[in-house]
Every structure is written in structure tokens, then in C-alpha cells.
Amino acid sequence: MAKGKYHDWLTEDGLLRIRGWARDGLTDEQIAYNMGIRRETLYDWKKRFPNISKALKESKEIADRNVENALYKRALGYKYYEQTVTNKGEVVDVEKYEHPNTTAIIYWLKNRKRKTWKDKQEIEHSGDTGLNIQIDYGDEDDD
């Protein structure tokens, strides 16, 4: 496929490649590079050609949703099946359990409930602290 020619990217093959790059998590700048164009040209094409814009947007949303679902699953823990061979040589499915992942839990909470779970807590002190601070701004006549 000749790089940089918009009509090549409007074909089913071209759109499929764009969707794949977007789904793989590439930025618009990286996708533009792969297409042999500048990022600004890609932005222009997104405005001019709805198929390109749609291919990028939908694929990025699908990828984002899949990652969100995987993070959520890791945060809660999940059951899965694994095939193992018994002492008698039989292949059987064994149910296993992946425990909740603490890192995934922390990440989820820090991003979904920022006020409650952020690392830096803002604490307001009120009342008399016994401290007096005086700031001297100099003479008023100094202009």
C-alpha cells in the first residue's frame, strides 16, 4: 500500500490496518507515522473522512473497554479452568481461583474515588495553633 495517499486508507484493507493500530494502543502520532503522514494530516483526514475517524474512535474505545474489564476482573479476583494431567494420564479441567490483585484494587480506587483514596490527603487545621506570623511589606511610601 502506498503510504500517504488517503484513498488507499479508505479501502477495507487500509481501515483494517488503522483499526488494528488503534486497538493495539498506538497514539494518533504513531498511527500517522505508520501511515507515512504527519499527525496534522491525520487530524485533517479524520475531519474529512468519517470512515477514518470512526475506525480510530471505535477501535480505541474497544481497546479501552477491554483493558478496563481486565483491570476490574483482576481487582475482584476470578475463577478459571486449567487442564492438568492426572496420575492415571487423564486430562481433566481443574477449577482455579485467582485472588484479588491489591495493585489493581489500589489503582481502581485511586482513579475512581480520588477524593477518598488519593495518596495526599488535605487536612485543614482550625483553632488557635499558638503561632503568630507577621509579614512586613516595607514602607507604604516606597513606590
C-alpha atoms as a PDB file:
ATOM      1  CA  MET A   1       0.000   0.000   0.000  1.00  0.00           C
ATOM      2  CA  ALA A   2       1.430   3.370  -0.970  1.00  0.00           C
ATOM      3  CA  LYS A   3       1.964   5.420   2.133  1.00  0.00           C
ATOM      4  CA  GLY A   4       0.352   8.828   2.477  1.00  0.00           C
ATOM      5  CA  LYS A   5      -2.426   8.505  -0.107  1.00  0.00           C
ATOM      6  CA  TYR A   6      -5.768   8.912   1.613  1.00  0.00           C
ATOM      7  CA  HIS A   7      -7.752   6.826  -0.886  1.00  0.00           C
ATOM      8  CA  ASP A   8      -5.580   3.796  -0.030  1.00  0.00           C
ATOM      9  CA  TRP A   9      -6.523   4.199   3.628  1.00  0.00           C
ATOM     10  CA  LEU A  10     -10.239   4.371   2.826  1.00  0.00           C
ATOM     11  CA  THR A  11     -10.222   0.801   1.484  1.00  0.00           C
ATOM     12  CA  GLU A  12     -11.304  -2.074   3.722  1.00  0.00           C
ATOM     13  CA  ASP A  13      -7.668  -3.194   3.978  1.00  0.00           C
ATOM     14  CA  GLY A  14      -6.492   0.294   4.915  1.00  0.00           C
ATOM     15  CA  LEU A  15      -9.216   0.781   7.514  1.00  0.00           C
ATOM     16  CA  LEU A  16      -8.467  -2.673   8.938  1.00  0.00           C
ATOM     17  CA  ARG A  17      -4.831  -1.680   9.475  1.00  0.00           C
ATOM     18  CA  ILE A  18      -5.864   1.618  11.100  1.00  0.00           C
ATOM     19  CA  ARG A  19      -8.283  -0.244  13.401  1.00  0.00           C
ATOM     20  CA  GLY A  20      -5.549  -2.685  14.373  1.00  0.00           C
ATOM     21  CA  TRP A  21      -3.085   0.057  15.288  1.00  0.00           C
ATOM     22  CA  ALA A  22      -5.732   1.886  17.310  1.00  0.00           C
ATOM     23  CA  ARG A  23      -6.757  -1.331  19.077  1.00  0.00           C
ATOM     24  CA  ASP A  24      -3.085  -2.030  19.856  1.00  0.00           C
ATOM     25  CA  GLY A  25      -2.978   1.259  21.759  1.00  0.00           C
ATOM     26  CA  LEU A  26      -0.924   3.350  19.335  1.00  0.00           C
ATOM     27  CA  THR A  27      -1.317   7.115  19.593  1.00  0.00           C
ATOM     28  CA  ASP A  28      -2.550   9.177  16.665  1.00  0.00           C
ATOM     29  CA  GLU A  29       1.033  10.330  16.143  1.00  0.00           C
ATOM     30  CA  GLN A  30       2.272   6.728  15.924  1.00  0.00           C
ATOM     31  CA  ILE A  31      -0.574   5.751  13.602  1.00  0.00           C
ATOM     32  CA  ALA A  32       0.189   8.724  11.350  1.00  0.00           C
ATOM     33  CA  TYR A  33       3.842   7.642  11.249  1.00  0.00           C
ATOM     34  CA  ASN A  34       2.808   4.110  10.239  1.00  0.00           C
ATOM     35  CA  MET A  35       0.628   5.605   7.510  1.00  0.00           C
ATOM     36  CA  GLY A  36       3.514   7.711   6.221  1.00  0.00           C
ATOM     37  CA  ILE A  37       1.849  11.027   7.016  1.00  0.00           C
ATOM     38  CA  ARG A  38       2.167  13.773   9.605  1.00  0.00           C
ATOM     39  CA  ARG A  39      -0.075  13.873  12.668  1.00  0.00           C
ATOM     40  CA  GLU A  40      -1.701  17.078  11.387  1.00  0.00           C
ATOM     41  CA  THR A  41      -2.586  15.319   8.139  1.00  0.00           C
ATOM     42  CA  LEU A  42      -4.248  12.508  10.087  1.00  0.00           C
ATOM     43  CA  TYR A  43      -6.273  15.086  12.054  1.00  0.00           C
ATOM     44  CA  ASP A  44      -7.346  16.659   8.759  1.00  0.00           C
ATOM     45  CA  TRP A  45      -8.300  13.266   7.324  1.00  0.00           C
ATOM     46  CA  LYS A  46     -10.317  12.461  10.459  1.00  0.00           C
ATOM     47  CA  LYS A  47     -12.384  15.601   9.785  1.00  0.00           C
ATOM     48  CA  ARG A  48     -12.696  14.972   6.039  1.00  0.00           C
ATOM     49  CA  PHE A  49     -13.258  11.210   6.031  1.00  0.00           C
ATOM     50  CA  PRO A  50     -15.754   9.824   8.567  1.00  0.00           C
ATOM     51  CA  ASN A  51     -14.600   6.238   7.903  1.00  0.00           C
ATOM     52  CA  ILE A  52     -11.093   7.012   9.175  1.00  0.00           C
ATOM     53  CA  SER A  53     -12.428   8.877  12.201  1.00  0.00           C
ATOM     54  CA  LYS A  54     -14.856   6.047  13.001  1.00  0.00           C
ATOM     55  CA  ALA A  55     -12.176   3.352  12.607  1.00  0.00           C
ATOM     56  CA  LEU A  56      -9.894   5.143  15.069  1.00  0.00           C
ATOM     57  CA  LYS A  57     -12.566   6.049  17.602  1.00  0.00           C
ATOM     58  CA  GLU A  58     -14.354   2.705  17.766  1.00  0.00           C
ATOM     59  CA  SER A  59     -11.163   0.666  17.922  1.00  0.00           C
ATOM     60  CA  LYS A  60      -9.689   2.816  20.695  1.00  0.00           C
ATOM     61  CA  GLU A  61     -12.940   2.555  22.666  1.00  0.00           C
ATOM     62  CA  ILE A  62     -12.980  -1.226  22.301  1.00  0.00           C
ATOM     63  CA  ALA A  63      -9.363  -1.476  23.458  1.00  0.00           C
ATOM     64  CA  ASP A  64     -10.004   0.846  26.406  1.00  0.00           C
ATOM     65  CA  ARG A  65     -13.095  -1.123  27.442  1.00  0.00           C
ATOM     66  CA  ASN A  66     -11.216  -4.430  27.251  1.00  0.00           C
ATOM     67  CA  VAL A  67      -8.423  -3.080  29.455  1.00  0.00           C
ATOM     68  CA  GLU A  68     -10.953  -1.657  31.928  1.00  0.00           C
ATOM     69  CA  ASN A  69     -12.693  -5.022  32.106  1.00  0.00           C
ATOM     70  CA  ALA A  70      -9.398  -6.853  32.640  1.00  0.00           C
ATOM     71  CA  LEU A  71      -8.412  -4.439  35.430  1.00  0.00           C
ATOM     72  CA  TYR A  72     -11.815  -4.843  37.071  1.00  0.00           C
ATOM     73  CA  LYS A  73     -11.554  -8.632  36.874  1.00  0.00           C
ATOM     74  CA  ARG A  74      -8.058  -8.588  38.442  1.00  0.00           C
ATOM     75  CA  ALA A  75      -9.253  -6.265  41.201  1.00  0.00           C
ATOM     76  CA  LEU A  76     -12.100  -8.577  42.219  1.00  0.00           C
ATOM     77  CA  GLY A  77     -10.488 -11.949  41.614  1.00  0.00           C
ATOM     78  CA  TYR A  78     -11.901 -14.615  39.342  1.00  0.00           C
ATOM     79  CA  LYS A  79     -12.282 -18.338  38.706  1.00  0.00           C
ATOM     80  CA  TYR A  80     -10.756 -20.032  35.702  1.00  0.00           C
ATOM     81  CA  TYR A  81     -10.176 -23.557  34.451  1.00  0.00           C
ATOM     82  CA  GLU A  82      -6.839 -25.154  33.706  1.00  0.00           C
ATOM     83  CA  GLN A  83      -6.237 -28.523  32.089  1.00  0.00           C
ATOM     84  CA  THR A  84      -3.956 -30.871  34.002  1.00  0.00           C
ATOM     85  CA  VAL A  85      -2.908 -34.470  33.607  1.00  0.00           C
ATOM     86  CA  THR A  86      -3.760 -36.860  36.451  1.00  0.00           C
ATOM     87  CA  ASN A  87      -1.504 -39.645  37.738  1.00  0.00           C
ATOM     88  CA  LYS A  88      -3.511 -42.007  35.513  1.00  0.00           C
ATOM     89  CA  GLY A  89      -2.700 -39.910  32.429  1.00  0.00           C
ATOM     90  CA  GLU A  90      -6.188 -38.441  32.083  1.00  0.00           C
ATOM     91  CA  VAL A  91      -6.601 -34.801  31.069  1.00  0.00           C
ATOM     92  CA  VAL A  92      -9.048 -33.051  33.391  1.00  0.00           C
ATOM     93  CA  ASP A  93     -10.254 -29.497  33.856  1.00  0.00           C
ATOM     94  CA  VAL A  94      -9.393 -28.114  37.279  1.00  0.00           C
ATOM     95  CA  GLU A  95     -11.139 -25.032  38.620  1.00  0.00           C
ATOM     96  CA  LYS A  96      -8.695 -22.486  39.994  1.00  0.00           C
ATOM     97  CA  TYR A  97      -9.126 -19.110  41.624  1.00  0.00           C
ATOM     98  CA  GLU A  98      -7.041 -16.000  41.051  1.00  0.00           C
ATOM     99  CA  HIS A  99      -7.174 -13.894  44.208  1.00  0.00           C
ATOM    100  CA  PRO A 100      -7.921 -10.167  44.004  1.00  0.00           C
ATOM    101  CA  ASN A 101      -4.858  -8.182  42.976  1.00  0.00           C
ATOM    102  CA  THR A 102      -4.023  -5.468  45.507  1.00  0.00           C
ATOM    103  CA  THR A 103      -2.294  -3.261  42.946  1.00  0.00           C
ATOM    104  CA  ALA A 104      -5.338  -3.385  40.663  1.00  0.00           C
ATOM    105  CA  ILE A 105      -7.598  -2.546  43.616  1.00  0.00           C
ATOM    106  CA  ILE A 106      -5.465   0.456  44.603  1.00  0.00           C
ATOM    107  CA  TYR A 107      -5.268   1.694  41.021  1.00  0.00           C
ATOM    108  CA  TRP A 108      -9.020   1.379  40.570  1.00  0.00           C
ATOM    109  CA  LEU A 109      -9.830   3.173  43.822  1.00  0.00           C
ATOM    110  CA  LYS A 110      -7.326   5.987  43.274  1.00  0.00           C
ATOM    111  CA  ASN A 111      -8.799   6.681  39.864  1.00  0.00           C
ATOM    112  CA  ARG A 112     -12.477   6.074  40.566  1.00  0.00           C
ATOM    113  CA  LYS A 113     -12.691   7.552  44.087  1.00  0.00           C
ATOM    114  CA  ARG A 114      -9.928  10.153  44.060  1.00  0.00           C
ATOM    115  CA  LYS A 115     -11.123  12.227  46.997  1.00  0.00           C
ATOM    116  CA  THR A 116     -11.208   9.238  49.314  1.00  0.00           C
ATOM    117  CA  TRP A 117      -8.207   7.249  48.087  1.00  0.00           C
ATOM    118  CA  LYS A 118      -5.585   9.724  46.879  1.00  0.00           C
ATOM    119  CA  ASP A 119      -2.153   9.424  48.479  1.00  0.00           C
ATOM    120  CA  LYS A 120      -2.020  13.037  49.570  1.00  0.00           C
ATOM    121  CA  GLN A 121      -4.792  13.913  51.984  1.00  0.00           C
ATOM    122  CA  GLU A 122      -5.626  17.575  52.509  1.00  0.00           C
ATOM    123  CA  ILE A 123      -6.121  18.256  56.192  1.00  0.00           C
ATOM    124  CA  GLU A 124      -7.429  21.560  57.453  1.00  0.00           C
ATOM    125  CA  HIS A 125      -6.391  22.671  60.905  1.00  0.00           C
ATOM    126  CA  SER A 126      -8.640  25.093  62.703  1.00  0.00           C
ATOM    127  CA  GLY A 127      -8.499  26.761  66.046  1.00  0.00           C
ATOM    128  CA  ASP A 128      -5.677  28.513  67.837  1.00  0.00           C
ATOM    129  CA  THR A 129      -2.342  26.975  66.987  1.00  0.00           C
ATOM    130  CA  GLY A 130      -0.427  29.387  69.206  1.00  0.00           C
ATOM    131  CA  LEU A 131       1.517  30.645  66.231  1.00  0.00           C
ATOM    132  CA  ASN A 132       1.645  34.286  65.196  1.00  0.00           C
ATOM    133  CA  ILE A 133       3.048  35.121  61.799  1.00  0.00           C
ATOM    134  CA  GLN A 134       3.788  38.724  60.900  1.00  0.00           C
ATOM    135  CA  ILE A 135       4.680  39.786  57.384  1.00  0.00           C
ATOM    136  CA  ASP A 136       6.400  43.145  56.879  1.00  0.00           C
ATOM    137  CA  TYR A 137       5.752  44.581  53.442  1.00  0.00           C
ATOM    138  CA  GLY A 138       8.005  47.600  53.949  1.00  0.00           C
ATOM    139  CA  ASP A 139       7.016  51.263  53.999  1.00  0.00           C
ATOM    140  CA  GLU A 140       3.872  52.302  52.182  1.00  0.00           C
ATOM    141  CA  ASP A 141       5.723  55.293  50.686  1.00  0.00           C
ATOM    142  CA  ASP A 142       8.137  53.078  48.704  1.00  0.00           C
ATOM    143  CA  ASP A 143       6.956  53.367  45.104  1.00  0.00           C
END
